[in-house]
Protein backbone atom coordinates (compact mmCIF):
# COMPACT_ATOMS: atom_id res chain seq x y z
CA UNK A 1 11.10 -14.18 -7.25
CA UNK A 2 14.15 -13.79 -8.96
CA UNK A 3 15.75 -16.19 -11.25
CA UNK A 4 19.13 -14.42 -11.70
CA UNK A 5 21.17 -12.60 -9.30
CA UNK A 6 24.37 -10.11 -9.66
CA UNK A 7 26.94 -11.05 -8.59
CA UNK A 8 30.86 -10.07 -8.52
CA UNK A 9 33.19 -12.42 -10.41
CA UNK A 10 36.38 -12.48 -11.85
CA UNK A 11 36.81 -12.96 -15.45
CA UNK A 12 40.36 -13.42 -17.85
CA UNK A 13 39.92 -10.92 -20.46
CA UNK A 14 42.79 -9.97 -22.97
CA UNK A 15 45.56 -11.50 -20.48
CA UNK A 16 43.94 -9.56 -17.44
CA UNK A 17 42.21 -10.81 -14.33
CA UNK A 18 39.30 -7.95 -13.90
CA UNK A 19 36.93 -7.96 -11.30
CA UNK A 20 33.08 -8.16 -13.21
CA UNK A 21 29.46 -8.02 -12.26
CA UNK A 22 27.73 -10.93 -13.94
CA UNK A 23 24.31 -12.53 -14.27
CA UNK A 24 24.22 -15.77 -12.33
CA UNK A 25 20.90 -18.46 -12.48
CA UNK A 26 19.43 -18.92 -8.63
CA UNK A 27 19.06 -22.62 -7.87
CA UNK A 28 15.94 -22.68 -5.72
CA UNK A 29 14.66 -25.71 -3.27
CA UNK A 30 11.11 -26.19 -3.77
CA UNK A 31 9.54 -29.29 -2.15
CA UNK A 32 5.98 -30.50 -3.25
CA UNK A 33 3.56 -31.69 -0.52
CA UNK A 34 0.50 -33.81 -1.02
CA UNK A 35 -2.23 -34.07 1.29
CA UNK A 36 0.35 -32.53 3.89
CA UNK A 37 2.94 -35.42 3.10
CA UNK A 38 6.04 -34.38 1.73
CA UNK A 39 6.15 -35.92 -1.65
CA UNK A 40 9.84 -34.58 -3.32
CA UNK A 41 11.72 -31.93 -3.27
CA UNK A 42 13.38 -30.36 -6.24
CA UNK A 43 16.08 -28.10 -7.55
CA UNK A 44 15.02 -25.50 -9.91
CA UNK A 45 14.41 -22.21 -11.15
CA UNK A 46 12.08 -20.27 -8.89
CA UNK A 47 9.76 -19.56 -11.72
CA UNK A 48 6.25 -21.30 -12.99
CA UNK A 49 6.31 -22.77 -9.94
CA UNK A 50 2.60 -24.05 -10.03
CA UNK A 51 2.82 -25.13 -13.75
CA UNK A 52 6.31 -27.32 -12.50
CA UNK A 53 4.17 -28.85 -9.58
CA UNK A 54 1.36 -29.82 -11.37
CA UNK A 55 3.01 -30.98 -14.30
CA UNK A 56 5.69 -33.17 -12.32
CA UNK A 57 2.57 -34.91 -11.01
CA UNK A 58 1.34 -35.60 -14.02
CA UNK A 59 4.55 -37.07 -15.43
CA UNK A 60 4.74 -39.07 -12.56
CA UNK A 61 1.49 -40.33 -12.86
CA UNK A 62 -0.23 -39.08 -9.47
CA UNK A 63 -2.96 -37.28 -11.53
CA UNK A 64 -4.33 -37.78 -14.85
CA UNK A 65 -5.81 -34.41 -15.12
CA UNK A 66 -6.11 -31.02 -13.08
CA UNK A 67 -9.25 -31.89 -12.15
CA UNK A 68 -8.20 -34.42 -9.84
CA UNK A 69 -6.56 -31.51 -7.57
CA UNK A 70 -9.13 -30.04 -5.27
CA UNK A 71 -6.98 -27.61 -4.17
CA UNK A 72 -3.45 -25.98 -4.80
CA UNK A 73 -1.24 -23.60 -2.79
CA UNK A 74 2.28 -22.39 -3.69
CA UNK A 75 3.90 -20.89 -1.07
CA UNK A 76 6.93 -19.17 -2.96
CA UNK A 77 8.82 -17.27 -0.11
CA UNK A 78 8.75 -20.34 2.03
CA UNK A 79 9.88 -22.50 -0.80
CA UNK A 80 6.99 -25.50 -0.93
CA UNK A 81 3.57 -26.14 -2.63
CA UNK A 82 0.72 -27.85 -0.73
CA UNK A 83 -1.54 -30.19 -3.12
CA UNK A 84 -4.43 -31.79 -2.09
């Protein structure tokens, strides 16, 4: 999934307002489910979602190591990860 998209914007340059293409960072809603229960929804860029989910659970002390996870499935298009 793209992290940056091109949009037409108006920019003030040298005393003139002109329309230009510019890169805008994508915001993405990403929900972490633990054992099929919704734990949290984050707003993030849509990259490294597996690492984001595992790191978030580690920092929240839900897991103490990757070995605490039996299975992990990232559904990027749908915007969620299912962790068991």
